[in-house]
C-alpha atoms as a PDB file:
ATOM      1  CA  MET A   1       0.149   0.082  -0.111  1.00  0.00           C
ATOM      2  CA  HIS A   2       1.280   3.529  -0.777  1.00  0.00           C
ATOM      3  CA  ARG A   3      -1.458   5.536   0.617  1.00  0.00           C
ATOM      4  CA  HIS A   4      -2.477   6.093   4.235  1.00  0.00           C
ATOM      5  CA  LYS A   5      -5.243   8.409   5.085  1.00  0.00           C
ATOM      6  CA  ASN A   6      -4.807  11.449   2.931  1.00  0.00           C
ATOM      7  CA  ARG A   7      -1.263  11.186   2.334  1.00  0.00           C
ATOM      8  CA  PHE A   8       1.118   9.022   0.144  1.00  0.00           C
ATOM      9  CA  LYS A   9       3.990   6.956   1.439  1.00  0.00           C
ATOM     10  CA  ASN A  10       6.802   4.699   0.004  1.00  0.00           C
ATOM     11  CA  PRO A  11       6.231   0.784   0.491  1.00  0.00           C
ATOM     12  CA  HIS A  12       9.923   0.053   0.825  1.00  0.00           C
ATOM     13  CA  THR A  13      11.224   2.838   3.079  1.00  0.00           C
ATOM     14  CA  ARG A  14      10.564   4.988   5.949  1.00  0.00           C
ATOM     15  CA  GLU A  15      13.808   6.931   5.475  1.00  0.00           C
ATOM     16  CA  ILE A  16      12.823   9.854   3.539  1.00  0.00           C
ATOM     17  CA  ARG A  17      14.387  12.965   5.064  1.00  0.00           C
ATOM     18  CA  GLY A  18      12.565  15.759   6.479  1.00  0.00           C
ATOM     19  CA  TRP A  19      12.885  19.588   7.319  1.00  0.00           C
ATOM     20  CA  LEU A  20      15.029  19.007  10.414  1.00  0.00           C
ATOM     21  CA  ASP A  21      17.394  16.840   8.387  1.00  0.00           C
ATOM     22  CA  PHE A  22      17.461  19.241   5.671  1.00  0.00           C
ATOM     23  CA  LEU A  23      18.363  22.098   8.015  1.00  0.00           C
ATOM     24  CA  LYS A  24      21.315  19.508   9.814  1.00  0.00           C
ATOM     25  CA  TRP A  25      22.647  19.232   6.039  1.00  0.00           C
ATOM     26  CA  GLN A  26      22.626  23.025   5.339  1.00  0.00           C
ATOM     27  CA  LEU A  27      24.379  23.666   8.497  1.00  0.00           C
ATOM     28  CA  GLY A  28      27.045  20.942   7.823  1.00  0.00           C
ATOM     29  CA  LEU A  29      25.970  19.044  11.031  1.00  0.00           C
ATOM     30  CA  GLY A  30      25.492  15.605   9.119  1.00  0.00           C
ATOM     31  CA  PRO A  31      27.796  12.570   9.206  1.00  0.00           C
ATOM     32  CA  SER A  32      31.079  12.986   7.363  1.00  0.00           C
ATOM     33  CA  GLU A  33      31.518  11.492   4.031  1.00  0.00           C
ATOM     34  CA  GLY A  34      34.935  12.307   3.246  1.00  0.00           C
ATOM     35  CA  PRO A  35      36.109  15.131   0.808  1.00  0.00           C
ATOM     36  CA  VAL A  36      34.173  15.761  -2.440  1.00  0.00           C
ATOM     37  CA  ARG A  37      36.492  14.493  -5.467  1.00  0.00           C
ATOM     38  CA  ASP A  38      38.363  17.484  -6.863  1.00  0.00           C
ATOM     39  CA  GLY A  39      37.587  18.696 -10.633  1.00  0.00           C
ATOM     40  CA  PHE A  40      34.490  18.038 -12.648  1.00  0.00           C
ATOM     41  CA  LEU A  41      33.202  21.654 -11.861  1.00  0.00           C
ATOM     42  CA  SER A  42      31.969  22.435 -15.397  1.00  0.00           C
ATOM     43  CA  PRO A  43      28.529  21.929 -16.457  1.00  0.00           C
ATOM     44  CA  PRO A  44      28.022  20.065 -19.708  1.00  0.00           C
ATOM     45  CA  GLN A  45      28.627  21.999 -22.840  1.00  0.00           C
ATOM     46  CA  GLN A  46      25.617  22.403 -25.245  1.00  0.00           C
ATOM     47  CA  VAL A  47      25.482  21.094 -28.911  1.00  0.00           C
ATOM     48  CA  GLN A  48      23.492  22.682 -31.852  1.00  0.00           C
ATOM     49  CA  PRO A  49      20.267  20.695 -31.947  1.00  0.00           C
ATOM     50  CA  ASP A  50      19.561  18.431 -34.923  1.00  0.00           C
ATOM     51  CA  PHE A  51      16.389  20.274 -36.185  1.00  0.00           C
ATOM     52  CA  ALA A  52      16.358  18.016 -39.387  1.00  0.00           C
ATOM     53  CA  ARG A  53      15.732  15.163 -37.150  1.00  0.00           C
ATOM     54  CA  ILE A  54      13.525  16.725 -34.691  1.00  0.00           C
ATOM     55  CA  ARG A  55      11.165  18.381 -37.267  1.00  0.00           C
ATOM     56  CA  ASN A  56      11.232  14.824 -39.216  1.00  0.00           C
ATOM     57  CA  PRO A  57      11.653  12.067 -36.829  1.00  0.00           C
ATOM     58  CA  ASP A  58      11.325   8.361 -37.938  1.00  0.00           C
ATOM     59  CA  ALA A  59       7.940   7.301 -36.782  1.00  0.00           C
ATOM     60  CA  ALA A  60       9.345   3.682 -36.665  1.00  0.00           C
ATOM     61  CA  ARG A  61      12.117   4.280 -34.121  1.00  0.00           C
ATOM     62  CA  VAL A  62      12.383   6.078 -30.668  1.00  0.00           C
ATOM     63  CA  GLN A  63      14.137   9.384 -30.664  1.00  0.00           C
ATOM     64  CA  VAL A  64      14.823  11.358 -27.497  1.00  0.00           C
ATOM     65  CA  THR A  65      16.566  14.949 -27.030  1.00  0.00           C
ATOM     66  CA  TRP A  66      17.834  16.164 -23.780  1.00  0.00           C
ATOM     67  CA  VAL A  67      16.541  19.621 -22.844  1.00  0.00           C
ATOM     68  CA  GLY A  68      18.076  19.793 -19.373  1.00  0.00           C
ATOM     69  CA  HIS A  69      17.562  18.009 -15.914  1.00  0.00           C
ATOM     70  CA  SER A  70      14.582  15.787 -16.333  1.00  0.00           C
ATOM     71  CA  THR A  71      13.201  17.416 -19.438  1.00  0.00           C
ATOM     72  CA  PHE A  72      13.204  15.433 -22.689  1.00  0.00           C
ATOM     73  CA  LEU A  73      11.617  15.618 -25.852  1.00  0.00           C
ATOM     74  CA  LEU A  74      10.621  12.121 -26.819  1.00  0.00           C
ATOM     75  CA  GLN A  75       9.338  11.174 -30.237  1.00  0.00           C
ATOM     76  CA  ALA A  76       7.685   7.958 -31.208  1.00  0.00           C
ATOM     77  CA  ALA A  77       5.108   6.655 -33.462  1.00  0.00           C
ATOM     78  CA  GLY A  78       4.445  10.144 -34.696  1.00  0.00           C
ATOM     79  CA  VAL A  79       3.677  11.511 -31.013  1.00  0.00           C
ATOM     80  CA  ASN A  80       5.893  14.340 -29.474  1.00  0.00           C
ATOM     81  CA  ILE A  81       6.111  13.907 -25.608  1.00  0.00           C
ATOM     82  CA  LEU A  82       7.719  16.284 -23.159  1.00  0.00           C
ATOM     83  CA  THR A  83       8.758  14.870 -19.751  1.00  0.00           C
ATOM     84  CA  ASP A  84       8.831  17.088 -16.552  1.00  0.00           C
ATOM     85  CA  PRO A  85       9.360  20.292 -18.651  1.00  0.00           C
ATOM     86  CA  ILE A  86      11.053  23.237 -17.105  1.00  0.00           C
ATOM     87  CA  PHE A  87      12.465  26.108 -19.368  1.00  0.00           C
ATOM     88  CA  SER A  88      12.561  28.717 -16.712  1.00  0.00           C
ATOM     89  CA  ARG A  89      15.879  30.222 -15.303  1.00  0.00           C
ATOM     90  CA  ARG A  90      14.922  29.002 -11.608  1.00  0.00           C
ATOM     91  CA  CYS A  91      13.511  25.872 -10.239  1.00  0.00           C
ATOM     92  CA  SER A  92      11.610  27.816  -7.377  1.00  0.00           C
ATOM     93  CA  PRO A  93       8.112  29.259  -6.446  1.00  0.00           C
ATOM     94  CA  VAL A  94       9.561  32.778  -7.173  1.00  0.00           C
ATOM     95  CA  SER A  95      11.550  34.092 -10.177  1.00  0.00           C
ATOM     96  CA  PHE A  96      14.056  36.115  -8.166  1.00  0.00           C
ATOM     97  CA  ALA A  97      15.633  33.517  -5.993  1.00  0.00           C
ATOM     98  CA  GLY A  98      16.012  29.720  -5.640  1.00  0.00           C
ATOM     99  CA  PRO A  99      18.637  27.323  -7.550  1.00  0.00           C
ATOM    100  CA  GLN A 100      19.360  29.073 -11.040  1.00  0.00           C
ATOM    101  CA  ARG A 101      20.101  27.278 -14.320  1.00  0.00           C
ATOM    102  CA  LEU A 102      23.898  26.297 -15.046  1.00  0.00           C
ATOM    103  CA  THR A 103      23.029  25.636 -18.674  1.00  0.00           C
ATOM    104  CA  ALA A 104      20.384  26.995 -20.954  1.00  0.00           C
ATOM    105  CA  PRO A 105      17.694  24.639 -22.132  1.00  0.00           C
ATOM    106  CA  GLY A 106      19.215  22.265 -24.930  1.00  0.00           C
ATOM    107  CA  LEU A 107      16.162  23.271 -27.172  1.00  0.00           C
ATOM    108  CA  GLU A 108      14.536  26.800 -26.905  1.00  0.00           C
ATOM    109  CA  PHE A 109      10.882  26.547 -26.067  1.00  0.00           C
ATOM    110  CA  ALA A 110      10.054  28.397 -29.380  1.00  0.00           C
ATOM    111  CA  ALA A 111      12.026  25.587 -31.284  1.00  0.00           C
ATOM    112  CA  LEU A 112       9.777  22.740 -29.876  1.00  0.00           C
ATOM    113  CA  PRO A 113       7.675  20.987 -32.297  1.00  0.00           C
ATOM    114  CA  ARG A 114       3.927  20.553 -31.578  1.00  0.00           C
ATOM    115  CA  ILE A 115       3.807  18.896 -28.329  1.00  0.00           C
ATOM    116  CA  HIS A 116       0.849  16.148 -27.812  1.00  0.00           C
ATOM    117  CA  ALA A 117       1.508  14.873 -24.387  1.00  0.00           C
ATOM    118  CA  VAL A 118       3.359  15.712 -21.176  1.00  0.00           C
ATOM    119  CA  LEU A 119       4.401  13.363 -18.561  1.00  0.00           C
ATOM    120  CA  ILE A 120       4.757  14.755 -14.957  1.00  0.00           C
ATOM    121  CA  SER A 121       6.622  12.521 -12.399  1.00  0.00           C
ATOM    122  CA  HIS A 122       5.617  14.646  -9.152  1.00  0.00           C
ATOM    123  CA  ASN A 123       5.225  18.357  -8.061  1.00  0.00           C
ATOM    124  CA  HIS A 124       8.657  19.582  -6.940  1.00  0.00           C
ATOM    125  CA  TYR A 125       9.679  22.692  -8.467  1.00  0.00           C
ATOM    126  CA  ASP A 126      12.614  21.206 -10.552  1.00  0.00           C
ATOM    127  CA  HIS A 127       9.954  18.846 -12.251  1.00  0.00           C
ATOM    128  CA  LEU A 128       6.599  20.785 -12.151  1.00  0.00           C
ATOM    129  CA  ASP A 129       7.212  24.466 -13.396  1.00  0.00           C
ATOM    130  CA  ALA A 130       4.194  26.667 -13.431  1.00  0.00           C
ATOM    131  CA  ARG A 131       5.679  29.187 -15.743  1.00  0.00           C
ATOM    132  CA  THR A 132       6.474  26.363 -18.327  1.00  0.00           C
ATOM    133  CA  VAL A 133       3.068  24.903 -18.072  1.00  0.00           C
ATOM    134  CA  SER A 134       1.517  28.213 -18.529  1.00  0.00           C
ATOM    135  CA  ARG A 135       3.500  28.536 -21.779  1.00  0.00           C
ATOM    136  CA  LEU A 136       2.519  25.112 -22.965  1.00  0.00           C
ATOM    137  CA  GLY A 137      -1.068  25.883 -22.019  1.00  0.00           C
ATOM    138  CA  ALA A 138      -4.029  23.400 -22.614  1.00  0.00           C
ATOM    139  CA  ALA A 139      -2.896  22.195 -25.928  1.00  0.00           C
ATOM    140  CA  PRO A 140      -1.078  19.060 -24.850  1.00  0.00           C
ATOM    141  CA  VAL A 141      -2.651  16.208 -22.626  1.00  0.00           C
ATOM    142  CA  TYR A 142      -0.945  16.175 -19.081  1.00  0.00           C
ATOM    143  CA  PHE A 143      -0.471  12.706 -17.601  1.00  0.00           C
ATOM    144  CA  VAL A 144       0.057  13.229 -13.987  1.00  0.00           C
ATOM    145  CA  PRO A 145       0.278  10.918 -10.577  1.00  0.00           C
ATOM    146  CA  LEU A 146      -2.674  10.953  -8.353  1.00  0.00           C
ATOM    147  CA  GLY A 147      -3.556  14.335  -6.653  1.00  0.00           C
ATOM    148  CA  LEU A 148      -2.181  16.655  -9.261  1.00  0.00           C
ATOM    149  CA  ALA A 149      -5.153  17.087 -11.632  1.00  0.00           C
ATOM    150  CA  ARG A 150      -6.410  19.673  -9.151  1.00  0.00           C
ATOM    151  CA  TRP A 151      -3.122  21.798  -9.722  1.00  0.00           C
ATOM    152  CA  PHE A 152      -3.964  21.895 -13.413  1.00  0.00           C
ATOM    153  CA  ALA A 153      -7.419  22.647 -12.910  1.00  0.00           C
ATOM    154  CA  LYS A 154      -6.672  25.724 -10.961  1.00  0.00           C
ATOM    155  CA  ARG A 155      -4.756  26.988 -14.014  1.00  0.00           C
ATOM    156  CA  GLY A 156      -7.377  26.334 -16.409  1.00  0.00           C
ATOM    157  CA  ILE A 157      -5.987  23.125 -17.679  1.00  0.00           C
ATOM    158  CA  ARG A 158      -8.465  20.326 -17.664  1.00  0.00           C
ATOM    159  CA  ASP A 159      -7.167  17.721 -20.313  1.00  0.00           C
ATOM    160  CA  VAL A 160      -5.379  15.888 -17.675  1.00  0.00           C
ATOM    161  CA  VAL A 161      -5.188  12.162 -17.092  1.00  0.00           C
ATOM    162  CA  GLU A 162      -4.373  11.258 -13.449  1.00  0.00           C
ATOM    163  CA  LEU A 163      -3.412   7.811 -12.828  1.00  0.00           C
ATOM    164  CA  ASP A 164      -2.301   5.654  -9.666  1.00  0.00           C
ATOM    165  CA  TRP A 165       0.467   3.256  -9.882  1.00  0.00           C
ATOM    166  CA  TRP A 166       0.068   0.603 -12.505  1.00  0.00           C
ATOM    167  CA  GLU A 167      -3.042   2.216 -13.963  1.00  0.00           C
ATOM    168  CA  THR A 168      -2.889   2.731 -17.893  1.00  0.00           C
ATOM    169  CA  SER A 169      -4.483   5.082 -20.219  1.00  0.00           C
ATOM    170  CA  THR A 170      -4.688   4.862 -24.091  1.00  0.00           C
ATOM    171  CA  PHE A 171      -3.382   8.270 -26.041  1.00  0.00           C
ATOM    172  CA  ALA A 172      -3.472   8.109 -29.799  1.00  0.00           C
ATOM    173  CA  ASP A 173      -1.790   4.788 -30.408  1.00  0.00           C
ATOM    174  CA  LEU A 174       0.162   4.864 -27.108  1.00  0.00           C
ATOM    175  CA  GLN A 175      -0.322   2.826 -23.984  1.00  0.00           C
ATOM    176  CA  ILE A 176       0.843   5.203 -20.989  1.00  0.00           C
ATOM    177  CA  THR A 177       1.229   3.662 -17.415  1.00  0.00           C
ATOM    178  CA  CYS A 178       1.873   5.162 -14.184  1.00  0.00           C
ATOM    179  CA  VAL A 179       4.451   3.081 -12.292  1.00  0.00           C
ATOM    180  CA  PRO A 180       6.084   3.231  -8.953  1.00  0.00           C
ATOM    181  CA  SER A 181       9.080   5.266  -7.833  1.00  0.00           C
ATOM    182  CA  GLN A 182      10.582   5.884  -4.427  1.00  0.00           C
ATOM    183  CA  HIS A 183      10.462   9.691  -3.787  1.00  0.00           C
ATOM    184  CA  PHE A 184       8.183  12.332  -1.885  1.00  0.00           C
ATOM    185  CA  SER A 185       6.138  15.317  -2.917  1.00  0.00           C
ATOM    186  CA  GLY A 186       5.484  18.808  -1.716  1.00  0.00           C
ATOM    187  CA  ARG A 187       5.490  22.587  -2.839  1.00  0.00           C
ATOM    188  CA  SER A 188       5.275  24.013   0.502  1.00  0.00           C
ATOM    189  CA  LEU A 189       5.709  23.359   4.380  1.00  0.00           C
ATOM    190  CA  PHE A 190       2.114  22.176   4.578  1.00  0.00           C
ATOM    191  CA  ASP A 191       1.541  19.579   1.432  1.00  0.00           C
ATOM    192  CA  ARG A 192       4.253  17.096   2.004  1.00  0.00           C
ATOM    193  CA  ASN A 193       3.200  13.930   0.309  1.00  0.00           C
ATOM    194  CA  ARG A 194      -0.490  14.852  -0.430  1.00  0.00           C
ATOM    195  CA  THR A 195       0.136  14.244  -4.142  1.00  0.00           C
ATOM    196  CA  LEU A 196       1.731  10.877  -5.571  1.00  0.00           C
ATOM    197  CA  TRP A 197       5.166  10.471  -7.319  1.00  0.00           C
ATOM    198  CA  SER A 198       5.808   8.178 -10.150  1.00  0.00           C
ATOM    199  CA  GLY A 199       7.771   7.052 -13.259  1.00  0.00           C
ATOM    200  CA  TRP A 200       6.009   6.572 -16.665  1.00  0.00           C
ATOM    201  CA  VAL A 201       5.826   3.770 -19.354  1.00  0.00           C
ATOM    202  CA  VAL A 202       5.125   4.637 -22.740  1.00  0.00           C
ATOM    203  CA  GLU A 203       4.359   1.607 -25.126  1.00  0.00           C
ATOM    204  CA  SER A 204       4.397   2.321 -28.927  1.00  0.00           C
ATOM    205  CA  THR A 205       4.917   0.734 -32.141  1.00  0.00           C
ATOM    206  CA  ALA A 206       8.433   2.032 -32.041  1.00  0.00           C
ATOM    207  CA  GLY A 207       9.322   0.412 -28.772  1.00  0.00           C
ATOM    208  CA  ARG A 208       8.647   0.708 -25.103  1.00  0.00           C
ATOM    209  CA  ILE A 209      10.125   3.800 -23.123  1.00  0.00           C
ATOM    210  CA  PHE A 210      10.586   3.973 -19.366  1.00  0.00           C
ATOM    211  CA  PHE A 211      10.942   7.433 -17.695  1.00  0.00           C
ATOM    212  CA  ALA A 212      12.070   7.036 -14.025  1.00  0.00           C
ATOM    213  CA  GLY A 213      11.311  10.515 -12.977  1.00  0.00           C
ATOM    214  CA  ASP A 214      13.012  11.190  -9.525  1.00  0.00           C
ATOM    215  CA  THR A 215      13.742   8.339  -7.420  1.00  0.00           C
ATOM    216  CA  GLY A 216      15.577   6.505  -4.635  1.00  0.00           C
ATOM    217  CA  TYR A 217      16.510   2.681  -5.348  1.00  0.00           C
ATOM    218  CA  SER A 218      14.206   0.025  -4.343  1.00  0.00           C
ATOM    219  CA  PRO A 219      12.902  -3.349  -5.327  1.00  0.00           C
ATOM    220  CA  GLN A 220      10.100  -1.569  -7.498  1.00  0.00           C
ATOM    221  CA  PHE A 221      12.366  -1.470 -10.499  1.00  0.00           C
ATOM    222  CA  LYS A 222      12.588  -5.155 -10.934  1.00  0.00           C
ATOM    223  CA  GLU A 223       8.840  -5.470 -10.692  1.00  0.00           C
ATOM    224  CA  ILE A 224       8.529  -2.829 -13.434  1.00  0.00           C
ATOM    225  CA  GLY A 225      11.120  -4.889 -15.561  1.00  0.00           C
ATOM    226  CA  GLU A 226       9.154  -8.106 -15.055  1.00  0.00           C
ATOM    227  CA  LYS A 227       5.758  -6.630 -15.682  1.00  0.00           C
ATOM    228  CA  LEU A 228       6.367  -4.243 -18.495  1.00  0.00           C
ATOM    229  CA  GLY A 229       9.886  -4.555 -19.771  1.00  0.00           C
ATOM    230  CA  PRO A 230      12.070  -5.049 -21.625  1.00  0.00           C
ATOM    231  CA  PHE A 231      12.533  -1.462 -22.770  1.00  0.00           C
ATOM    232  CA  ARG A 232      13.826  -0.053 -25.892  1.00  0.00           C
ATOM    233  CA  LEU A 233      14.812   3.328 -23.941  1.00  0.00           C
ATOM    234  CA  ALA A 234      14.980   4.088 -20.436  1.00  0.00           C
ATOM    235  CA  LEU A 235      15.499   7.683 -18.871  1.00  0.00           C
ATOM    236  CA  ILE A 236      17.181   7.360 -15.693  1.00  0.00           C
ATOM    237  CA  PRO A 237      18.352   9.806 -12.981  1.00  0.00           C
ATOM    238  CA  ILE A 238      22.036   9.996 -12.292  1.00  0.00           C
ATOM    239  CA  GLY A 239      22.560  13.201 -10.160  1.00  0.00           C
ATOM    240  CA  ALA A 240      21.525  14.944  -6.821  1.00  0.00           C
ATOM    241  CA  TYR A 241      22.895  12.168  -4.674  1.00  0.00           C
ATOM    242  CA  ARG A 242      25.270  14.004  -2.132  1.00  0.00           C
ATOM    243  CA  PRO A 243      25.330  13.712   0.797  1.00  0.00           C
ATOM    244  CA  ARG A 244      24.282  10.178   0.563  1.00  0.00           C
ATOM    245  CA  TRP A 245      23.202   9.900   4.392  1.00  0.00           C
ATOM    246  CA  PHE A 246      20.349  12.640   3.157  1.00  0.00           C
ATOM    247  CA  MET A 247      19.823  11.825  -0.555  1.00  0.00           C
ATOM    248  CA  ARG A 248      20.015   8.155  -0.674  1.00  0.00           C
ATOM    249  CA  PRO A 249      16.199   7.297   0.046  1.00  0.00           C
ATOM    250  CA  ALA A 250      15.072   9.729  -2.572  1.00  0.00           C
ATOM    251  CA  HIS A 251      17.855   9.910  -5.194  1.00  0.00           C
ATOM    252  CA  VAL A 252      19.918   7.128  -6.753  1.00  0.00           C
ATOM    253  CA  ASP A 253      23.543   7.704  -7.401  1.00  0.00           C
ATOM    254  CA  PRO A 254      25.346   6.741 -10.848  1.00  0.00           C
ATOM    255  CA  ARG A 255      25.839   3.003  -9.598  1.00  0.00           C
ATOM    256  CA  GLU A 256      22.169   2.684  -8.530  1.00  0.00           C
ATOM    257  CA  ALA A 257      21.171   3.961 -11.847  1.00  0.00           C
ATOM    258  CA  VAL A 258      23.134   1.307 -13.451  1.00  0.00           C
ATOM    259  CA  GLN A 259      21.358  -1.334 -11.590  1.00  0.00           C
ATOM    260  CA  ILE A 260      17.823   0.200 -12.515  1.00  0.00           C
ATOM    261  CA  HIS A 261      18.928  -0.084 -16.091  1.00  0.00           C
ATOM    262  CA  ARG A 262      19.672  -3.712 -15.504  1.00  0.00           C
ATOM    263  CA  ASP A 263      16.350  -4.269 -13.314  1.00  0.00           C
ATOM    264  CA  VAL A 264      13.838  -2.756 -15.857  1.00  0.00           C
ATOM    265  CA  ARG A 265      15.897  -4.681 -18.722  1.00  0.00           C
ATOM    266  CA  ALA A 266      16.605  -1.758 -20.915  1.00  0.00           C
ATOM    267  CA  GLU A 267      18.427  -1.825 -24.102  1.00  0.00           C
ATOM    268  CA  PHE A 268      19.358   1.616 -24.132  1.00  0.00           C
ATOM    269  CA  SER A 269      19.451   4.317 -21.289  1.00  0.00           C
ATOM    270  CA  VAL A 270      19.897   7.895 -21.156  1.00  0.00           C
ATOM    271  CA  ALA A 271      20.810   9.969 -17.929  1.00  0.00           C
ATOM    272  CA  SER A 272      18.754  12.520 -16.445  1.00  0.00           C
ATOM    273  CA  HIS A 273      18.493  14.787 -13.516  1.00  0.00           C
ATOM    274  CA  TRP A 274      22.142  16.336 -13.586  1.00  0.00           C
ATOM    275  CA  GLY A 275      24.164  19.076 -14.863  1.00  0.00           C
ATOM    276  CA  THR A 276      21.411  21.601 -14.918  1.00  0.00           C
ATOM    277  CA  PHE A 277      20.601  23.126 -11.528  1.00  0.00           C
ATOM    278  CA  PRO A 278      22.912  23.174  -8.282  1.00  0.00           C
ATOM    279  CA  LEU A 279      20.674  21.130  -6.024  1.00  0.00           C
ATOM    280  CA  THR A 280      23.022  19.144  -4.067  1.00  0.00           C
ATOM    281  CA  ASP A 281      26.734  18.699  -2.948  1.00  0.00           C
ATOM    282  CA  GLU A 282      28.433  16.654  -5.704  1.00  0.00           C
ATOM    283  CA  PRO A 283      30.321  18.611  -8.511  1.00  0.00           C
ATOM    284  CA  VAL A 284      28.055  19.314 -11.196  1.00  0.00           C
ATOM    285  CA  GLY A 285      30.262  17.367 -13.960  1.00  0.00           C
ATOM    286  CA  GLU A 286      30.823  14.324 -11.591  1.00  0.00           C
ATOM    287  CA  PRO A 287      27.620  12.119 -12.271  1.00  0.00           C
ATOM    288  CA  PRO A 288      28.596  11.188 -15.795  1.00  0.00           C
ATOM    289  CA  VAL A 289      32.229  10.231 -14.690  1.00  0.00           C
ATOM    290  CA  LEU A 290      30.804   8.009 -11.897  1.00  0.00           C
ATOM    291  CA  LEU A 291      28.295   6.557 -14.520  1.00  0.00           C
ATOM    292  CA  ALA A 292      31.178   5.516 -16.901  1.00  0.00           C
ATOM    293  CA  GLU A 293      32.928   3.886 -13.988  1.00  0.00           C
ATOM    294  CA  ALA A 294      29.785   2.072 -12.795  1.00  0.00           C
ATOM    295  CA  LEU A 295      29.360   0.760 -16.500  1.00  0.00           C
ATOM    296  CA  ARG A 296      32.747  -0.531 -16.601  1.00  0.00           C
ATOM    297  CA  GLU A 297      32.581  -2.266 -13.372  1.00  0.00           C
ATOM    298  CA  ALA A 298      29.231  -4.034 -14.403  1.00  0.00           C
ATOM    299  CA  GLY A 299      30.710  -4.909 -17.947  1.00  0.00           C
ATOM    300  CA  ILE A 300      28.138  -2.769 -19.760  1.00  0.00           C
ATOM    301  CA  ALA A 301      29.205  -1.138 -22.902  1.00  0.00           C
ATOM    302  CA  ALA A 302      29.253   2.693 -22.931  1.00  0.00           C
ATOM    303  CA  ASP A 303      27.087   3.362 -25.542  1.00  0.00           C
ATOM    304  CA  ARG A 304      24.146   1.437 -23.775  1.00  0.00           C
ATOM    305  CA  PHE A 305      23.996   3.974 -21.104  1.00  0.00           C
ATOM    306  CA  GLN A 306      24.699   7.714 -22.141  1.00  0.00           C
ATOM    307  CA  ALA A 307      24.935  10.925 -20.608  1.00  0.00           C
ATOM    308  CA  LEU A 308      23.796  13.322 -23.436  1.00  0.00           C
ATOM    309  CA  ARG A 309      24.860  17.068 -23.778  1.00  0.00           C
ATOM    310  CA  PRO A 310      22.026  19.465 -23.731  1.00  0.00           C
ATOM    311  CA  GLY A 311      20.385  19.655 -27.100  1.00  0.00           C
ATOM    312  CA  GLU A 312      21.752  16.262 -28.240  1.00  0.00           C
ATOM    313  CA  THR A 313      19.591  13.555 -29.915  1.00  0.00           C
ATOM    314  CA  ARG A 314      19.657  10.042 -29.904  1.00  0.00           C
ATOM    315  CA  VAL A 315      17.818   7.688 -31.953  1.00  0.00           C
ATOM    316  CA  VAL A 316      17.322   4.070 -30.996  1.00  0.00           C
END
């Protein structure tokens, strides 16, 4: 069970950290984890988007373009999908404070093709951005976990499909399924875990796609792989993992990301949730370095799990 009274919970852990732990981290009072590795201070370098591919994708294949953080343009079977779209300068309730972008979006908002659907994993500000949703407007269909349809309705957006874990909806020729993740929700001091968090599976004629959202590691990923895999493409987070004593329950590190790649039986994976906003203690460029190390240790070829540059497209 992942619901208790009027709040949601994680079935495999009770260790998600609260506000007191957050203050402890910010004041440097948590357990010592040793020095952070030197170097890796530069954010990823942008590339010129391949607009020929973006404007004319091969409908028989899965195409993904990394915009930044957890925002991807997915193109499959003639459908254009955005995941956790944020094009704003900050991920914050206000425009004048809060974590600021280290890199511009890999695709400018104006350069997006027509967006048919949007997948939202949860309501944290770096995944659900009110300014970006306002720009997208009511044209796309929004797929959201339980409790979030009301947030969209308050903004005049009613073409919203709200699902619980393991529920499926049909959209165009796609099957879109809400799947478990291990995380939490909240946009203020007073609404913690009032709405659900999730990943998403998109089944198309071009192949199955898994979007993990934002998550810690849990046995749920093997279950996703067994029930809905294998996947042609998985989008898996690799950043926001330090300090581990605080972040582990809600954010995987690169080694755990590789384990998710294996658990869900992904043929190819692309890294998300890194190199865009300064949210945690690891150097901004460290996650892909540790990802490469983890892949070598696991005996997995580097091209099977890649960290793209902002604006870069991969076709699988």
